[in-house]
Amino acid sequence: MFGDYGHGSLILLVGLILTFFNDYLKKTAFAPVLPMRYVLLMMGMSSVYNGLIYNEFFAIPNDWFGSCYDLSVRN
């Protein structure tokens, strides 16, 4: 599983570019990559989603949503 919303946003951006500029890119060197445009798009979307759940941005942990554990209590 790839859960990182930094890397996922880059993959999502590539998938969006390949999807929106499909007609223009058919005439360039990116033509062999075009059949994978929807796979890259969905992989980027799921990676951003999982990255937000795991709170990771380019392998740097971010605590955006807080924790459900009480870390102030010590035994």
PDB file of N, CA and C in Angstrom:
ATOM      1  N   MET A   1       0.835  -1.168   0.000  1.00  0.00           N
ATOM      2  CA  MET A   1       0.000   0.000   0.000  1.00  0.00           C
ATOM      3  C   MET A   1       0.888   1.241   0.000  1.00  0.00           C
ATOM      4  N   PHE A   2       0.458   2.225  -0.716  1.00  0.00           N
ATOM      5  CA  PHE A   2       1.216   3.460  -0.856  1.00  0.00           C
ATOM      6  C   PHE A   2       0.386   4.575  -0.246  1.00  0.00           C
ATOM      7  N   GLY A   3       0.659   4.953   0.981  1.00  0.00           N
ATOM      8  CA  GLY A   3      -0.125   5.965   1.667  1.00  0.00           C
ATOM      9  C   GLY A   3       0.689   7.191   1.989  1.00  0.00           C
ATOM     10  N   ASP A   4       0.852   8.071   1.048  1.00  0.00           N
ATOM     11  CA  ASP A   4       1.629   9.285   1.245  1.00  0.00           C
ATOM     12  C   ASP A   4       1.009  10.351   0.359  1.00  0.00           C
ATOM     13  N   TYR A   5       0.449  11.395   0.966  1.00  0.00           N
ATOM     14  CA  TYR A   5      -0.265  12.349   0.128  1.00  0.00           C
ATOM     15  C   TYR A   5       0.642  13.325  -0.588  1.00  0.00           C
ATOM     16  N   GLY A   6       1.923  13.343  -0.298  1.00  0.00           N
ATOM     17  CA  GLY A   6       2.868  14.136  -1.084  1.00  0.00           C
ATOM     18  C   GLY A   6       3.169  13.458  -2.407  1.00  0.00           C
ATOM     19  N   HIS A   7       3.590  12.200  -2.340  1.00  0.00           N
ATOM     20  CA  HIS A   7       3.867  11.449  -3.559  1.00  0.00           C
ATOM     21  C   HIS A   7       2.574  11.173  -4.333  1.00  0.00           C
ATOM     22  N   GLY A   8       1.497  10.914  -3.599  1.00  0.00           N
ATOM     23  CA  GLY A   8       0.217  10.653  -4.256  1.00  0.00           C
ATOM     24  C   GLY A   8      -0.297  11.841  -5.032  1.00  0.00           C
ATOM     25  N   SER A   9      -0.046  13.045  -4.526  1.00  0.00           N
ATOM     26  CA  SER A   9      -0.497  14.231  -5.258  1.00  0.00           C
ATOM     27  C   SER A   9       0.289  14.413  -6.552  1.00  0.00           C
ATOM     28  N   LEU A  10       1.548  14.013  -6.567  1.00  0.00           N
ATOM     29  CA  LEU A  10       2.327  14.073  -7.809  1.00  0.00           C
ATOM     30  C   LEU A  10       1.820  13.060  -8.832  1.00  0.00           C
ATOM     31  N   ILE A  11       1.517  11.857  -8.368  1.00  0.00           N
ATOM     32  CA  ILE A  11       0.964  10.835  -9.260  1.00  0.00           C
ATOM     33  C   ILE A  11      -0.417  11.257  -9.756  1.00  0.00           C
ATOM     34  N   LEU A  12      -1.209  11.854  -8.864  1.00  0.00           N
ATOM     35  CA  LEU A  12      -2.524  12.356  -9.250  1.00  0.00           C
ATOM     36  C   LEU A  12      -2.403  13.463 -10.287  1.00  0.00           C
ATOM     37  N   LEU A  13      -1.440  14.337 -10.129  1.00  0.00           N
ATOM     38  CA  LEU A  13      -1.228  15.417 -11.095  1.00  0.00           C
ATOM     39  C   LEU A  13      -0.844  14.868 -12.471  1.00  0.00           C
ATOM     40  N   VAL A  14       0.035  13.870 -12.499  1.00  0.00           N
ATOM     41  CA  VAL A  14       0.411  13.249 -13.776  1.00  0.00           C
ATOM     42  C   VAL A  14      -0.797  12.574 -14.418  1.00  0.00           C
ATOM     43  N   GLY A  15      -1.596  11.878 -13.606  1.00  0.00           N
ATOM     44  CA  GLY A  15      -2.803  11.243 -14.135  1.00  0.00           C
ATOM     45  C   GLY A  15      -3.801  12.246 -14.669  1.00  0.00           C
ATOM     46  N   LEU A  16      -3.947  13.382 -13.988  1.00  0.00           N
ATOM     47  CA  LEU A  16      -4.855  14.422 -14.471  1.00  0.00           C
ATOM     48  C   LEU A  16      -4.361  15.041 -15.775  1.00  0.00           C
ATOM     49  N   ILE A  17      -3.070  15.283 -15.865  1.00  0.00           N
ATOM     50  CA  ILE A  17      -2.507  15.842 -17.100  1.00  0.00           C
ATOM     51  C   ILE A  17      -2.695  14.875 -18.261  1.00  0.00           C
ATOM     52  N   LEU A  18      -2.420  13.591 -18.022  1.00  0.00           N
ATOM     53  CA  LEU A  18      -2.588  12.604 -19.086  1.00  0.00           C
ATOM     54  C   LEU A  18      -4.049  12.453 -19.489  1.00  0.00           C
ATOM     55  N   THR A  19      -4.970  12.625 -18.540  1.00  0.00           N
ATOM     56  CA  THR A  19      -6.390  12.478 -18.840  1.00  0.00           C
ATOM     57  C   THR A  19      -6.948  13.691 -19.580  1.00  0.00           C
ATOM     58  N   PHE A  20      -6.625  14.884 -19.094  1.00  0.00           N
ATOM     59  CA  PHE A  20      -7.206  16.085 -19.697  1.00  0.00           C
ATOM     60  C   PHE A  20      -6.585  16.444 -21.046  1.00  0.00           C
ATOM     61  N   PHE A  21      -5.311  16.143 -21.228  1.00  0.00           N
ATOM     62  CA  PHE A  21      -4.630  16.477 -22.481  1.00  0.00           C
ATOM     63  C   PHE A  21      -4.392  15.245 -23.341  1.00  0.00           C
ATOM     64  N   ASN A  22      -5.336  14.325 -23.320  1.00  0.00           N
ATOM     65  CA  ASN A  22      -5.222  13.060 -24.038  1.00  0.00           C
ATOM     66  C   ASN A  22      -5.068  13.276 -25.539  1.00  0.00           C
ATOM     67  N   ASP A  23      -5.913  14.133 -26.119  1.00  0.00           N
ATOM     68  CA  ASP A  23      -5.880  14.340 -27.573  1.00  0.00           C
ATOM     69  C   ASP A  23      -4.577  14.972 -28.027  1.00  0.00           C
ATOM     70  N   TYR A  24      -4.053  15.899 -27.258  1.00  0.00           N
ATOM     71  CA  TYR A  24      -2.797  16.547 -27.630  1.00  0.00           C
ATOM     72  C   TYR A  24      -1.609  15.595 -27.464  1.00  0.00           C
ATOM     73  N   LEU A  25      -1.632  14.772 -26.416  1.00  0.00           N
ATOM     74  CA  LEU A  25      -0.491  13.902 -26.131  1.00  0.00           C
ATOM     75  C   LEU A  25      -0.424  12.671 -27.033  1.00  0.00           C
ATOM     76  N   LYS A  26      -1.472  12.391 -27.803  1.00  0.00           N
ATOM     77  CA  LYS A  26      -1.444  11.253 -28.727  1.00  0.00           C
ATOM     78  C   LYS A  26      -0.392  11.428 -29.810  1.00  0.00           C
ATOM     79  N   LYS A  27      -0.025  12.681 -30.087  1.00  0.00           N
ATOM     80  CA  LYS A  27       0.931  12.974 -31.151  1.00  0.00           C
ATOM     81  C   LYS A  27       2.355  13.143 -30.646  1.00  0.00           C
ATOM     82  N   THR A  28       2.575  12.911 -29.363  1.00  0.00           N
ATOM     83  CA  THR A  28       3.899  13.127 -28.781  1.00  0.00           C
ATOM     84  C   THR A  28       4.511  11.798 -28.350  1.00  0.00           C
ATOM     85  N   ALA A  29       5.633  11.900 -27.654  1.00  0.00           N
ATOM     86  CA  ALA A  29       6.319  10.697 -27.174  1.00  0.00           C
ATOM     87  C   ALA A  29       5.616  10.058 -25.983  1.00  0.00           C
ATOM     88  N   PHE A  30       4.595  10.724 -25.423  1.00  0.00           N
ATOM     89  CA  PHE A  30       3.856  10.178 -24.283  1.00  0.00           C
ATOM     90  C   PHE A  30       2.735   9.230 -24.700  1.00  0.00           C
ATOM     91  N   ALA A  31       2.595   8.969 -25.961  1.00  0.00           N
ATOM     92  CA  ALA A  31       1.518   8.112 -26.463  1.00  0.00           C
ATOM     93  C   ALA A  31       1.537   6.700 -25.858  1.00  0.00           C
ATOM     94  N   PRO A  32       2.692   6.051 -25.642  1.00  0.00           N
ATOM     95  CA  PRO A  32       2.647   4.719 -25.025  1.00  0.00           C
ATOM     96  C   PRO A  32       2.183   4.719 -23.564  1.00  0.00           C
ATOM     97  N   VAL A  33       2.236   5.859 -22.890  1.00  0.00           N
ATOM     98  CA  VAL A  33       1.843   5.943 -21.487  1.00  0.00           C
ATOM     99  C   VAL A  33       0.336   6.181 -21.349  1.00  0.00           C
ATOM    100  N   LEU A  34      -0.316   6.659 -22.385  1.00  0.00           N
ATOM    101  CA  LEU A  34      -1.723   7.045 -22.315  1.00  0.00           C
ATOM    102  C   LEU A  34      -2.674   5.921 -21.901  1.00  0.00           C
ATOM    103  N   PRO A  35      -2.451   4.656 -22.257  1.00  0.00           N
ATOM    104  CA  PRO A  35      -3.369   3.622 -21.756  1.00  0.00           C
ATOM    105  C   PRO A  35      -3.350   3.465 -20.230  1.00  0.00           C
ATOM    106  N   MET A  36      -2.319   3.953 -19.574  1.00  0.00           N
ATOM    107  CA  MET A  36      -2.221   3.834 -18.115  1.00  0.00           C
ATOM    108  C   MET A  36      -2.737   5.079 -17.386  1.00  0.00           C
ATOM    109  N   ARG A  37      -3.368   6.014 -18.096  1.00  0.00           N
ATOM    110  CA  ARG A  37      -3.728   7.288 -17.479  1.00  0.00           C
ATOM    111  C   ARG A  37      -4.768   7.122 -16.380  1.00  0.00           C
ATOM    112  N   TYR A  38      -5.723   6.244 -16.542  1.00  0.00           N
ATOM    113  CA  TYR A  38      -6.735   6.062 -15.511  1.00  0.00           C
ATOM    114  C   TYR A  38      -6.191   5.290 -14.311  1.00  0.00           C
ATOM    115  N   VAL A  39      -5.256   4.408 -14.558  1.00  0.00           N
ATOM    116  CA  VAL A  39      -4.609   3.692 -13.446  1.00  0.00           C
ATOM    117  C   VAL A  39      -3.817   4.683 -12.596  1.00  0.00           C
ATOM    118  N   LEU A  40      -3.069   5.562 -13.247  1.00  0.00           N
ATOM    119  CA  LEU A  40      -2.316   6.572 -12.503  1.00  0.00           C
ATOM    120  C   LEU A  40      -3.249   7.526 -11.766  1.00  0.00           C
ATOM    121  N   LEU A  41      -4.347   7.879 -12.385  1.00  0.00           N
ATOM    122  CA  LEU A  41      -5.309   8.768 -11.761  1.00  0.00           C
ATOM    123  C   LEU A  41      -5.907   8.144 -10.497  1.00  0.00           C
ATOM    124  N   MET A  42      -6.348   6.912 -10.591  1.00  0.00           N
ATOM    125  CA  MET A  42      -6.944   6.246  -9.428  1.00  0.00           C
ATOM    126  C   MET A  42      -5.900   5.908  -8.369  1.00  0.00           C
ATOM    127  N   MET A  43      -4.687   5.562  -8.794  1.00  0.00           N
ATOM    128  CA  MET A  43      -3.621   5.291  -7.837  1.00  0.00           C
ATOM    129  C   MET A  43      -3.257   6.557  -7.068  1.00  0.00           C
ATOM    130  N   GLY A  44      -3.232   7.691  -7.753  1.00  0.00           N
ATOM    131  CA  GLY A  44      -2.958   8.956  -7.078  1.00  0.00           C
ATOM    132  C   GLY A  44      -4.047   9.344  -6.110  1.00  0.00           C
ATOM    133  N   MET A  45      -5.304   9.137  -6.510  1.00  0.00           N
ATOM    134  CA  MET A  45      -6.412   9.479  -5.620  1.00  0.00           C
ATOM    135  C   MET A  45      -6.422   8.612  -4.373  1.00  0.00           C
ATOM    136  N   SER A  46      -6.212   7.319  -4.525  1.00  0.00           N
ATOM    137  CA  SER A  46      -6.206   6.442  -3.355  1.00  0.00           C
ATOM    138  C   SER A  46      -4.977   6.683  -2.483  1.00  0.00           C
ATOM    139  N   SER A  47      -3.867   7.062  -3.077  1.00  0.00           N
ATOM    140  CA  SER A  47      -2.676   7.354  -2.292  1.00  0.00           C
ATOM    141  C   SER A  47      -2.844   8.628  -1.479  1.00  0.00           C
ATOM    142  N   VAL A  48      -3.474   9.638  -2.059  1.00  0.00           N
ATOM    143  CA  VAL A  48      -3.748  10.865  -1.305  1.00  0.00           C
ATOM    144  C   VAL A  48      -4.712  10.570  -0.157  1.00  0.00           C
ATOM    145  N   TYR A  49      -5.727   9.779  -0.417  1.00  0.00           N
ATOM    146  CA  TYR A  49      -6.684   9.417   0.628  1.00  0.00           C
ATOM    147  C   TYR A  49      -6.006   8.654   1.763  1.00  0.00           C
ATOM    148  N   ASN A  50      -5.229   7.623   1.409  1.00  0.00           N
ATOM    149  CA  ASN A  50      -4.540   6.847   2.449  1.00  0.00           C
ATOM    150  C   ASN A  50      -3.469   7.672   3.145  1.00  0.00           C
ATOM    151  N   GLY A  51      -2.830   8.576   2.436  1.00  0.00           N
ATOM    152  CA  GLY A  51      -1.842   9.442   3.059  1.00  0.00           C
ATOM    153  C   GLY A  51      -2.460  10.380   4.080  1.00  0.00           C
ATOM    154  N   LEU A  52      -3.679  10.844   3.798  1.00  0.00           N
ATOM    155  CA  LEU A  52      -4.369  11.673   4.781  1.00  0.00           C
ATOM    156  C   LEU A  52      -4.791  10.867   6.002  1.00  0.00           C
ATOM    157  N   ILE A  53      -5.127   9.602   5.791  1.00  0.00           N
ATOM    158  CA  ILE A  53      -5.468   8.747   6.936  1.00  0.00           C
ATOM    159  C   ILE A  53      -4.222   8.461   7.768  1.00  0.00           C
ATOM    160  N   TYR A  54      -3.096   8.172   7.105  1.00  0.00           N
ATOM    161  CA  TYR A  54      -1.851   7.862   7.814  1.00  0.00           C
ATOM    162  C   TYR A  54      -1.076   9.107   8.229  1.00  0.00           C
ATOM    163  N   ASN A  55      -1.502  10.295   7.789  1.00  0.00           N
ATOM    164  CA  ASN A  55      -0.858  11.570   8.130  1.00  0.00           C
ATOM    165  C   ASN A  55       0.603  11.603   7.703  1.00  0.00           C
ATOM    166  N   GLU A  56       0.875  11.286   6.446  1.00  0.00           N
ATOM    167  CA  GLU A  56       2.246  11.333   5.951  1.00  0.00           C
ATOM    168  C   GLU A  56       2.336  12.177   4.694  1.00  0.00           C
ATOM    169  N   PHE A  57       3.334  13.057   4.665  1.00  0.00           N
ATOM    170  CA  PHE A  57       3.609  13.926   3.524  1.00  0.00           C
ATOM    171  C   PHE A  57       5.077  13.776   3.177  1.00  0.00           C
ATOM    172  N   PHE A  58       5.372  13.107   2.067  1.00  0.00           N
ATOM    173  CA  PHE A  58       6.748  12.782   1.659  1.00  0.00           C
ATOM    174  C   PHE A  58       7.510  12.121   2.804  1.00  0.00           C
ATOM    175  N   ALA A  59       6.890  11.143   3.443  1.00  0.00           N
ATOM    176  CA  ALA A  59       7.442  10.342   4.549  1.00  0.00           C
ATOM    177  C   ALA A  59       7.730  11.162   5.797  1.00  0.00           C
ATOM    178  N   ILE A  60       7.118  12.333   5.913  1.00  0.00           N
ATOM    179  CA  ILE A  60       7.221  13.143   7.122  1.00  0.00           C
ATOM    180  C   ILE A  60       5.866  13.073   7.819  1.00  0.00           C
ATOM    181  N   PRO A  61       5.832  12.576   9.044  1.00  0.00           N
ATOM    182  CA  PRO A  61       4.536  12.453   9.727  1.00  0.00           C
ATOM    183  C   PRO A  61       3.968  13.820  10.110  1.00  0.00           C
ATOM    184  N   ASN A  62       2.690  14.000   9.828  1.00  0.00           N
ATOM    185  CA  ASN A  62       1.954  15.214  10.197  1.00  0.00           C
ATOM    186  C   ASN A  62       0.787  14.810  11.077  1.00  0.00           C
ATOM    187  N   ASP A  63       0.598  15.510  12.159  1.00  0.00           N
ATOM    188  CA  ASP A  63      -0.506  15.199  13.067  1.00  0.00           C
ATOM    189  C   ASP A  63      -1.610  16.229  12.876  1.00  0.00           C
ATOM    190  N   TRP A  64      -2.344  16.112  11.780  1.00  0.00           N
ATOM    191  CA  TRP A  64      -3.406  17.066  11.466  1.00  0.00           C
ATOM    192  C   TRP A  64      -4.671  16.816  12.267  1.00  0.00           C
ATOM    193  N   PHE A  65      -4.985  15.560  12.487  1.00  0.00           N
ATOM    194  CA  PHE A  65      -6.272  15.217  13.072  1.00  0.00           C
ATOM    195  C   PHE A  65      -6.173  14.865  14.553  1.00  0.00           C
ATOM    196  N   GLY A  66      -4.990  14.913  15.115  1.00  0.00           N
ATOM    197  CA  GLY A  66      -4.829  14.561  16.524  1.00  0.00           C
ATOM    198  C   GLY A  66      -4.815  13.056  16.736  1.00  0.00           C
ATOM    199  N   SER A  67      -4.746  12.680  17.979  1.00  0.00           N
ATOM    200  CA  SER A  67      -4.688  11.271  18.333  1.00  0.00           C
ATOM    201  C   SER A  67      -5.852  10.938  19.258  1.00  0.00           C
ATOM    202  N   CYS A  68      -6.313   9.710  19.173  1.00  0.00           N
ATOM    203  CA  CYS A  68      -7.381   9.286  20.074  1.00  0.00           C
ATOM    204  C   CYS A  68      -6.811   8.754  21.392  1.00  0.00           C
ATOM    205  N   TYR A  69      -5.498   8.691  21.495  1.00  0.00           N
ATOM    206  CA  TYR A  69      -4.853   8.198  22.710  1.00  0.00           C
ATOM    207  C   TYR A  69      -4.477   9.356  23.615  1.00  0.00           C
ATOM    208  N   ASP A  70      -4.618   9.141  24.912  1.00  0.00           N
ATOM    209  CA  ASP A  70      -4.217  10.160  25.880  1.00  0.00           C
ATOM    210  C   ASP A  70      -2.766   9.920  26.233  1.00  0.00           C
ATOM    211  N   LEU A  71      -1.885  10.727  25.686  1.00  0.00           N
ATOM    212  CA  LEU A  71      -0.444  10.541  25.898  1.00  0.00           C
ATOM    213  C   LEU A  71       0.075  11.227  27.135  1.00  0.00           C
ATOM    214  N   SER A  72      -0.775  11.982  27.834  1.00  0.00           N
ATOM    215  CA  SER A  72      -0.312  12.699  29.023  1.00  0.00           C
ATOM    216  C   SER A  72      -0.279  11.817  30.261  1.00  0.00           C
ATOM    217  N   VAL A  73      -0.983  10.690  30.261  1.00  0.00           N
ATOM    218  CA  VAL A  73      -1.034   9.795  31.422  1.00  0.00           C
ATOM    219  C   VAL A  73       0.150   8.852  31.358  1.00  0.00           C
ATOM    220  N   ARG A  74       0.967   8.880  32.403  1.00  0.00           N
ATOM    221  CA  ARG A  74       2.120   7.961  32.490  1.00  0.00           C
ATOM    222  C   ARG A  74       1.906   6.989  33.634  1.00  0.00           C
ATOM    223  N   ASN A  75       2.247   5.727  33.422  1.00  0.00           N
ATOM    224  CA  ASN A  75       2.135   4.709  34.479  1.00  0.00           C
ATOM    225  C   ASN A  75       3.398   4.590  35.271  1.00  0.00           C
TER     226      ASN A  75
END
